[in-house]
PDB file of N, CA and C in Angstrom:
ATOM      1  N   MET A   1     142.302-205.929  18.949  1.00  0.00           N
ATOM      2  CA  MET A   1     141.620-207.156  18.533  1.00  0.00           C
ATOM      3  C   MET A   1     142.554-208.330  18.802  1.00  0.00           C
ATOM      4  N   ARG A   2     142.000-209.378  19.307  1.00  0.00           N
ATOM      5  CA  ARG A   2     142.793-210.565  19.617  1.00  0.00           C
ATOM      6  C   ARG A   2     143.255-211.227  18.323  1.00  0.00           C
ATOM      7  N   GLY A   3     144.285-212.070  18.421  1.00  0.00           N
ATOM      8  CA  GLY A   3     144.761-212.808  17.264  1.00  0.00           C
ATOM      9  C   GLY A   3     143.731-213.834  16.820  1.00  0.00           C
ATOM     10  N   LEU A   4     143.507-213.930  15.530  1.00  0.00           N
ATOM     11  CA  LEU A   4     142.534-214.873  14.987  1.00  0.00           C
ATOM     12  C   LEU A   4     143.250-215.823  14.039  1.00  0.00           C
ATOM     13  N   GLU A   5     142.833-217.069  14.066  1.00  0.00           N
ATOM     14  CA  GLU A   5     143.440-218.072  13.193  1.00  0.00           C
ATOM     15  C   GLU A   5     142.372-218.718  12.329  1.00  0.00           C
ATOM     16  N   THR A   6     142.789-219.158  11.163  1.00  0.00           N
ATOM     17  CA  THR A   6     141.911-219.902  10.265  1.00  0.00           C
ATOM     18  C   THR A   6     142.768-220.910   9.530  1.00  0.00           C
ATOM     19  N   ARG A   7     142.149-221.910   8.962  1.00  0.00           N
ATOM     20  CA  ARG A   7     142.877-222.990   8.316  1.00  0.00           C
ATOM     21  C   ARG A   7     142.853-222.814   6.803  1.00  0.00           C
ATOM     22  N   LEU A   8     143.964-223.078   6.141  1.00  0.00           N
ATOM     23  CA  LEU A   8     144.094-223.022   4.687  1.00  0.00           C
ATOM     24  C   LEU A   8     143.535-224.303   4.078  1.00  0.00           C
ATOM     25  N   THR A   9     142.679-224.167   3.053  1.00  0.00           N
ATOM     26  CA  THR A   9     142.135-225.354   2.382  1.00  0.00           C
ATOM     27  C   THR A   9     143.129-225.874   1.356  1.00  0.00           C
ATOM     28  N   GLN A  10     142.831-227.023   0.768  1.00  0.00           N
ATOM     29  CA  GLN A  10     143.696-227.593  -0.267  1.00  0.00           C
ATOM     30  C   GLN A  10     143.801-226.675  -1.477  1.00  0.00           C
ATOM     31  N   LYS A  11     142.788-225.860  -1.704  1.00  0.00           N
ATOM     32  CA  LYS A  11     142.802-224.924  -2.840  1.00  0.00           C
ATOM     33  C   LYS A  11     143.492-223.604  -2.481  1.00  0.00           C
ATOM     34  N   GLY A  12     144.008-223.479  -1.266  1.00  0.00           N
ATOM     35  CA  GLY A  12     144.681-222.251  -0.847  1.00  0.00           C
ATOM     36  C   GLY A  12     143.715-221.182  -0.369  1.00  0.00           C
ATOM     37  N   GLN A  13     142.496-221.559  -0.049  1.00  0.00           N
ATOM     38  CA  GLN A  13     141.493-220.606   0.397  1.00  0.00           C
ATOM     39  C   GLN A  13     141.433-220.555   1.917  1.00  0.00           C
ATOM     40  N   VAL A  14     141.054-219.372   2.417  1.00  0.00           N
ATOM     41  CA  VAL A  14     140.834-219.205   3.849  1.00  0.00           C
ATOM     42  C   VAL A  14     139.500-218.510   4.056  1.00  0.00           C
ATOM     43  N   THR A  15     138.918-218.734   5.223  1.00  0.00           N
ATOM     44  CA  THR A  15     137.713-218.012   5.599  1.00  0.00           C
ATOM     45  C   THR A  15     138.140-216.838   6.455  1.00  0.00           C
ATOM     46  N   ILE A  16     137.688-215.640   6.084  1.00  0.00           N
ATOM     47  CA  ILE A  16     137.999-214.460   6.880  1.00  0.00           C
ATOM     48  C   ILE A  16     137.058-214.472   8.083  1.00  0.00           C
ATOM     49  N   PRO A  17     137.609-214.478   9.277  1.00  0.00           N
ATOM     50  CA  PRO A  17     136.751-214.532  10.466  1.00  0.00           C
ATOM     51  C   PRO A  17     135.728-213.398  10.489  1.00  0.00           C
ATOM     52  N   VAL A  18     134.568-213.685  11.051  1.00  0.00           N
ATOM     53  CA  VAL A  18     133.449-212.744  11.061  1.00  0.00           C
ATOM     54  C   VAL A  18     133.821-211.417  11.720  1.00  0.00           C
ATOM     55  N   GLU A  19     134.651-211.455  12.752  1.00  0.00           N
ATOM     56  CA  GLU A  19     135.056-210.218  13.419  1.00  0.00           C
ATOM     57  C   GLU A  19     135.776-209.286  12.445  1.00  0.00           C
ATOM     58  N   ILE A  20     136.625-209.857  11.592  1.00  0.00           N
ATOM     59  CA  ILE A  20     137.373-209.054  10.618  1.00  0.00           C
ATOM     60  C   ILE A  20     136.443-208.574   9.512  1.00  0.00           C
ATOM     61  N   ARG A  21     135.578-209.466   9.024  1.00  0.00           N
ATOM     62  CA  ARG A  21     134.619-209.063   7.978  1.00  0.00           C
ATOM     63  C   ARG A  21     133.763-207.903   8.460  1.00  0.00           C
ATOM     64  N   ASP A  22     133.284-207.999   9.709  1.00  0.00           N
ATOM     65  CA  ASP A  22     132.451-206.929  10.268  1.00  0.00           C
ATOM     66  C   ASP A  22     133.234-205.620  10.383  1.00  0.00           C
ATOM     67  N   LYS A  23     134.445-205.702  10.895  1.00  0.00           N
ATOM     68  CA  LYS A  23     135.256-204.492  11.098  1.00  0.00           C
ATOM     69  C   LYS A  23     135.584-203.815   9.765  1.00  0.00           C
ATOM     70  N   LEU A  24     135.813-204.614   8.706  1.00  0.00           N
ATOM     71  CA  LEU A  24     136.131-204.058   7.395  1.00  0.00           C
ATOM     72  C   LEU A  24     134.880-203.771   6.562  1.00  0.00           C
ATOM     73  N   GLY A  25     133.718-204.184   7.066  1.00  0.00           N
ATOM     74  CA  GLY A  25     132.481-203.962   6.321  1.00  0.00           C
ATOM     75  C   GLY A  25     132.369-204.842   5.088  1.00  0.00           C
ATOM     76  N   LEU A  26     132.973-206.029   5.136  1.00  0.00           N
ATOM     77  CA  LEU A  26     132.961-206.930   3.985  1.00  0.00           C
ATOM     78  C   LEU A  26     131.672-207.732   3.919  1.00  0.00           C
ATOM     79  N   LYS A  27     131.186-207.878   2.695  1.00  0.00           N
ATOM     80  CA  LYS A  27     129.990-208.678   2.444  1.00  0.00           C
ATOM     81  C   LYS A  27     130.326-209.708   1.374  1.00  0.00           C
ATOM     82  N   PRO A  28     129.500-210.747   1.202  1.00  0.00           N
ATOM     83  CA  PRO A  28     129.767-211.729   0.152  1.00  0.00           C
ATOM     84  C   PRO A  28     129.954-211.051  -1.203  1.00  0.00           C
ATOM     85  N   ARG A  29     130.894-211.544  -1.957  1.00  0.00           N
ATOM     86  CA  ARG A  29     131.253-211.074  -3.302  1.00  0.00           C
ATOM     87  C   ARG A  29     132.074-209.784  -3.310  1.00  0.00           C
ATOM     88  N   ASP A  30     132.403-209.215  -2.138  1.00  0.00           N
ATOM     89  CA  ASP A  30     133.288-208.051  -2.091  1.00  0.00           C
ATOM     90  C   ASP A  30     134.681-208.479  -2.524  1.00  0.00           C
ATOM     91  N   THR A  31     135.453-207.518  -2.983  1.00  0.00           N
ATOM     92  CA  THR A  31     136.834-207.770  -3.388  1.00  0.00           C
ATOM     93  C   THR A  31     137.765-207.271  -2.287  1.00  0.00           C
ATOM     94  N   VAL A  32     138.817-208.034  -2.040  1.00  0.00           N
ATOM     95  CA  VAL A  32     139.829-207.631  -1.065  1.00  0.00           C
ATOM     96  C   VAL A  32     141.190-207.612  -1.751  1.00  0.00           C
ATOM     97  N   ARG A  33     142.120-206.868  -1.157  1.00  0.00           N
ATOM     98  CA  ARG A  33     143.473-206.770  -1.701  1.00  0.00           C
ATOM     99  C   ARG A  33     144.457-207.158  -0.607  1.00  0.00           C
ATOM    100  N   PHE A  34     145.455-207.944  -0.996  1.00  0.00           N
ATOM    101  CA  PHE A  34     146.539-208.301  -0.088  1.00  0.00           C
ATOM    102  C   PHE A  34     147.722-207.409  -0.438  1.00  0.00           C
ATOM    103  N   GLU A  35     148.293-206.749   0.576  1.00  0.00           N
ATOM    104  CA  GLU A  35     149.429-205.857   0.361  1.00  0.00           C
ATOM    105  C   GLU A  35     150.557-206.218   1.320  1.00  0.00           C
ATOM    106  N   TRP A  36     151.772-206.287   0.789  1.00  0.00           N
ATOM    107  CA  TRP A  36     152.943-206.510   1.635  1.00  0.00           C
ATOM    108  C   TRP A  36     153.351-205.191   2.254  1.00  0.00           C
ATOM    109  N   ASP A  37     153.630-205.215   3.548  1.00  0.00           N
ATOM    110  CA  ASP A  37     154.144-204.052   4.270  1.00  0.00           C
ATOM    111  C   ASP A  37     155.326-204.549   5.078  1.00  0.00           C
ATOM    112  N   GLY A  38     156.486-204.559   4.432  1.00  0.00           N
ATOM    113  CA  GLY A  38     157.668-205.136   5.068  1.00  0.00           C
ATOM    114  C   GLY A  38     157.470-206.629   5.211  1.00  0.00           C
ATOM    115  N   ALA A  39     157.523-207.122   6.448  1.00  0.00           N
ATOM    116  CA  ALA A  39     157.353-208.549   6.710  1.00  0.00           C
ATOM    117  C   ALA A  39     155.900-208.909   7.009  1.00  0.00           C
ATOM    118  N   GLU A  40     155.013-207.918   6.966  1.00  0.00           N
ATOM    119  CA  GLU A  40     153.611-208.171   7.279  1.00  0.00           C
ATOM    120  C   GLU A  40     152.756-208.121   6.014  1.00  0.00           C
ATOM    121  N   LEU A  41     151.693-208.879   6.057  1.00  0.00           N
ATOM    122  CA  LEU A  41     150.730-208.889   4.957  1.00  0.00           C
ATOM    123  C   LEU A  41     149.458-208.212   5.452  1.00  0.00           C
ATOM    124  N   LYS A  42     148.957-207.239   4.678  1.00  0.00           N
ATOM    125  CA  LYS A  42     147.740-206.522   5.067  1.00  0.00           C
ATOM    126  C   LYS A  42     146.601-206.917   4.129  1.00  0.00           C
ATOM    127  N   LEU A  43     145.418-206.974   4.700  1.00  0.00           N
ATOM    128  CA  LEU A  43     144.206-207.260   3.950  1.00  0.00           C
ATOM    129  C   LEU A  43     143.374-205.990   3.935  1.00  0.00           C
ATOM    130  N   ARG A  44     143.044-205.515   2.732  1.00  0.00           N
ATOM    131  CA  ARG A  44     142.268-204.285   2.615  1.00  0.00           C
ATOM    132  C   ARG A  44     141.060-204.515   1.716  1.00  0.00           C
ATOM    133  N   PRO A  45     139.924-203.907   2.064  1.00  0.00           N
ATOM    134  CA  PRO A  45     138.777-203.997   1.154  1.00  0.00           C
ATOM    135  C   PRO A  45     139.033-203.132  -0.073  1.00  0.00           C
ATOM    136  N   VAL A  46     138.546-203.579  -1.223  1.00  0.00           N
ATOM    137  CA  VAL A  46     138.630-202.802  -2.462  1.00  0.00           C
ATOM    138  C   VAL A  46     137.223-202.294  -2.742  1.00  0.00           C
ATOM    139  N   ARG A  47     137.075-200.999  -2.712  1.00  0.00           N
ATOM    140  CA  ARG A  47     135.761-200.397  -2.927  1.00  0.00           C
ATOM    141  C   ARG A  47     135.501-200.230  -4.420  1.00  0.00           C
ATOM    142  N   SER A  48     134.263-200.370  -4.799  1.00  0.00           N
ATOM    143  CA  SER A  48     133.845-200.230  -6.183  1.00  0.00           C
ATOM    144  C   SER A  48     134.037-198.796  -6.658  1.00  0.00           C
ATOM    145  N   ARG A  49     134.658-198.628  -7.820  1.00  0.00           N
ATOM    146  CA  ARG A  49     134.810-197.285  -8.372  1.00  0.00           C
ATOM    147  C   ARG A  49     133.448-196.719  -8.760  1.00  0.00           C
ATOM    148  N   LEU A  50     132.562-197.598  -9.167  1.00  0.00           N
ATOM    149  CA  LEU A  50     131.210-197.154  -9.519  1.00  0.00           C
ATOM    150  C   LEU A  50     130.520-196.565  -8.292  1.00  0.00           C
ATOM    151  N   LEU A  51     130.622-197.265  -7.174  1.00  0.00           N
ATOM    152  CA  LEU A  51     129.992-196.766  -5.956  1.00  0.00           C
ATOM    153  C   LEU A  51     130.688-195.522  -5.428  1.00  0.00           C
ATOM    154  N   ASP A  52     131.997-195.382  -5.700  1.00  0.00           N
ATOM    155  CA  ASP A  52     132.707-194.182  -5.265  1.00  0.00           C
ATOM    156  C   ASP A  52     132.120-192.943  -5.927  1.00  0.00           C
ATOM    157  N   GLY A  53     131.626-193.091  -7.146  1.00  0.00           N
ATOM    158  CA  GLY A  53     131.049-191.962  -7.864  1.00  0.00           C
ATOM    159  C   GLY A  53     129.582-191.734  -7.560  1.00  0.00           C
ATOM    160  N   TYR A  54     128.990-192.633  -6.788  1.00  0.00           N
ATOM    161  CA  TYR A  54     127.570-192.504  -6.486  1.00  0.00           C
ATOM    162  C   TYR A  54     127.302-191.188  -5.771  1.00  0.00           C
ATOM    163  N   GLY A  55     126.360-190.448  -6.265  1.00  0.00           N
ATOM    164  CA  GLY A  55     126.008-189.168  -5.670  1.00  0.00           C
ATOM    165  C   GLY A  55     126.824-188.005  -6.210  1.00  0.00           C
ATOM    166  N   ALA A  56     127.748-188.265  -7.144  1.00  0.00           N
ATOM    167  CA  ALA A  56     128.566-187.192  -7.703  1.00  0.00           C
ATOM    168  C   ALA A  56     127.743-186.274  -8.602  1.00  0.00           C
ATOM    169  N   VAL A  57     126.672-186.788  -9.164  1.00  0.00           N
ATOM    170  CA  VAL A  57     125.798-185.994 -10.020  1.00  0.00           C
ATOM    171  C   VAL A  57     124.500-185.758  -9.261  1.00  0.00           C
ATOM    172  N   ALA A  58     124.105-184.528  -9.203  1.00  0.00           N
ATOM    173  CA  ALA A  58     122.873-184.195  -8.489  1.00  0.00           C
ATOM    174  C   ALA A  58     121.672-184.783  -9.225  1.00  0.00           C
ATOM    175  N   PRO A  59     120.717-185.335  -8.506  1.00  0.00           N
ATOM    176  CA  PRO A  59     119.528-185.886  -9.161  1.00  0.00           C
ATOM    177  C   PRO A  59     118.683-184.772  -9.756  1.00  0.00           C
ATOM    178  N   LEU A  60     117.879-185.148 -10.755  1.00  0.00           N
ATOM    179  CA  LEU A  60     116.956-184.190 -11.344  1.00  0.00           C
ATOM    180  C   LEU A  60     115.945-183.746 -10.299  1.00  0.00           C
ATOM    181  N   ALA A  61     115.502-182.525 -10.423  1.00  0.00           N
ATOM    182  CA  ALA A  61     114.532-181.998  -9.473  1.00  0.00           C
ATOM    183  C   ALA A  61     113.166-182.641  -9.666  1.00  0.00           C
ATOM    184  N   HIS A  62     112.949-183.204 -10.843  1.00  0.00           N
ATOM    185  CA  HIS A  62     111.667-183.848 -11.130  1.00  0.00           C
ATOM    186  C   HIS A  62     111.920-185.186 -11.815  1.00  0.00           C
ATOM    187  N   HIS A  63     110.938-186.034 -11.780  1.00  0.00           N
ATOM    188  CA  HIS A  63     111.058-187.320 -12.442  1.00  0.00           C
ATOM    189  C   HIS A  63     110.754-187.155 -13.921  1.00  0.00           C
ATOM    190  N   GLU A  64     111.491-187.883 -14.738  1.00  0.00           N
ATOM    191  CA  GLU A  64     111.248-187.838 -16.173  1.00  0.00           C
ATOM    192  C   GLU A  64     109.955-188.550 -16.505  1.00  0.00           C
ATOM    193  N   ASP A  65     109.223-188.029 -17.478  1.00  0.00           N
ATOM    194  CA  ASP A  65     108.015-188.675 -17.982  1.00  0.00           C
ATOM    195  C   ASP A  65     108.438-189.482 -19.211  1.00  0.00           C
ATOM    196  N   TRP A  66     108.862-190.717 -18.975  1.00  0.00           N
ATOM    197  CA  TRP A  66     109.415-191.534 -20.052  1.00  0.00           C
ATOM    198  C   TRP A  66     108.392-191.828 -21.139  1.00  0.00           C
ATOM    199  N   ARG A  67     107.133-191.918 -20.776  1.00  0.00           N
ATOM    200  CA  ARG A  67     106.088-192.149 -21.783  1.00  0.00           C
ATOM    201  C   ARG A  67     106.030-190.959 -22.749  1.00  0.00           C
ATOM    202  N   ALA A  68     106.069-189.749 -22.222  1.00  0.00           N
ATOM    203  CA  ALA A  68     106.037-188.552 -23.069  1.00  0.00           C
ATOM    204  C   ALA A  68     107.293-188.465 -23.927  1.00  0.00           C
ATOM    205  N   ILE A  69     108.429-188.780 -23.359  1.00  0.00           N
ATOM    206  CA  ILE A  69     109.681-188.745 -24.124  1.00  0.00           C
ATOM    207  C   ILE A  69     109.630-189.739 -25.266  1.00  0.00           C
ATOM    208  N   ARG A  70     109.126-190.940 -25.003  1.00  0.00           N
ATOM    209  CA  ARG A  70     109.023-191.952 -26.050  1.00  0.00           C
ATOM    210  C   ARG A  70     108.062-191.496 -27.156  1.00  0.00           C
ATOM    211  N   GLU A  71     106.930-190.923 -26.768  1.00  0.00           N
ATOM    212  CA  GLU A  71     105.971-190.445 -27.769  1.00  0.00           C
ATOM    213  C   GLU A  71     106.589-189.365 -28.639  1.00  0.00           C
ATOM    214  N   GLU A  72     107.322-188.424 -28.025  1.00  0.00           N
ATOM    215  CA  GLU A  72     107.997-187.369 -28.787  1.00  0.00           C
ATOM    216  C   GLU A  72     109.007-187.967 -29.756  1.00  0.00           C
ATOM    217  N   MET A  73     109.764-188.974 -29.296  1.00  0.00           N
ATOM    218  CA  MET A  73     110.759-189.617 -30.142  1.00  0.00           C
ATOM    219  C   MET A  73     110.086-190.317 -31.323  1.00  0.00           C
ATOM    220  N   GLU A  74     108.994-191.048 -31.057  1.00  0.00           N
ATOM    221  CA  GLU A  74     108.298-191.754 -32.126  1.00  0.00           C
ATOM    222  C   GLU A  74     107.702-190.781 -33.137  1.00  0.00           C
ATOM    223  N   GLU A  75     107.165-189.651 -32.654  1.00  0.00           N
ATOM    224  CA  GLU A  75     106.626-188.647 -33.569  1.00  0.00           C
ATOM    225  C   GLU A  75     107.732-188.050 -34.435  1.00  0.00           C
ATOM    226  N   ALA A  76     108.884-187.762 -33.828  1.00  0.00           N
ATOM    227  CA  ALA A  76     110.006-187.202 -34.593  1.00  0.00           C
ATOM    228  C   ALA A  76     110.496-188.203 -35.633  1.00  0.00           C
ATOM    229  N   MET A  77     110.545-189.483 -35.271  1.00  0.00           N
ATOM    230  CA  MET A  77     110.982-190.506 -36.230  1.00  0.00           C
ATOM    231  C   MET A  77     109.972-190.630 -37.363  1.00  0.00           C
ATOM    232  N   ALA A  78     108.693-190.523 -37.059  1.00  0.00           N
ATOM    233  CA  ALA A  78     107.665-190.600 -38.091  1.00  0.00           C
ATOM    234  C   ALA A  78     107.770-189.402 -39.037  1.00  0.00           C
ATOM    235  N   ARG A  79     108.028-188.202 -38.490  1.00  0.00           N
ATOM    236  CA  ARG A  79     108.199-187.009 -39.336  1.00  0.00           C
ATOM    237  C   ARG A  79     109.421-187.162 -40.227  1.00  0.00           C
ATOM    238  N   ASP A  80     110.531-187.638 -39.650  1.00  0.00           N
ATOM    239  CA  ASP A  80     111.754-187.830 -40.427  1.00  0.00           C
ATOM    240  C   ASP A  80     111.563-188.858 -41.532  1.00  0.00           C
ATOM    241  N   GLY A  81     110.840-189.933 -41.206  1.00  0.00           N
ATOM    242  CA  GLY A  81     110.572-190.952 -42.206  1.00  0.00           C
ATOM    243  C   GLY A  81     109.671-190.452 -43.308  1.00  0.00           C
ATOM    244  N   ALA A  82     108.671-189.632 -42.991  1.00  0.00           N
ATOM    245  CA  ALA A  82     107.767-189.068 -43.997  1.00  0.00           C
ATOM    246  C   ALA A  82     108.508-188.071 -44.870  1.00  0.00           C
ATOM    247  N   ALA A  83     109.450-187.318 -44.287  1.00  0.00           N
ATOM    248  CA  ALA A  83     110.210-186.343 -45.058  1.00  0.00           C
ATOM    249  C   ALA A  83     111.155-187.015 -46.048  1.00  0.00           C
ATOM    250  N   GLU A  84     111.667-188.196 -45.689  1.00  0.00           N
ATOM    251  CA  GLU A  84     112.572-188.919 -46.566  1.00  0.00           C
ATOM    252  C   GLU A  84     111.826-189.589 -47.722  1.00  0.00           C
ATOM    253  N   GLY A  85     110.564-190.000 -47.473  1.00  0.00           N
ATOM    254  CA  GLY A  85     109.792-190.789 -48.429  1.00  0.00           C
ATOM    255  C   GLY A  85     109.106-189.958 -49.405  1.00  0.00           C
TER     256      GLY A  85
END
């Protein structure tokens, strides 16, 4: 990749050139990390730990019937309340 330059703003901000963003797979709001490697500074994407775990748990073989679950919960609460009263 050819050398790329960008200008530092008064706030110390720089725009990462599109070629680098594309190569690193960076999108708006992504986090990046700056790391010193001797006399060089490296820019690395920081991946979400939440997304790293995505797919770690197998999905249920069937979809939950939330309406039925709620009805069962409400019936159990009504029984518990009647037993207390």
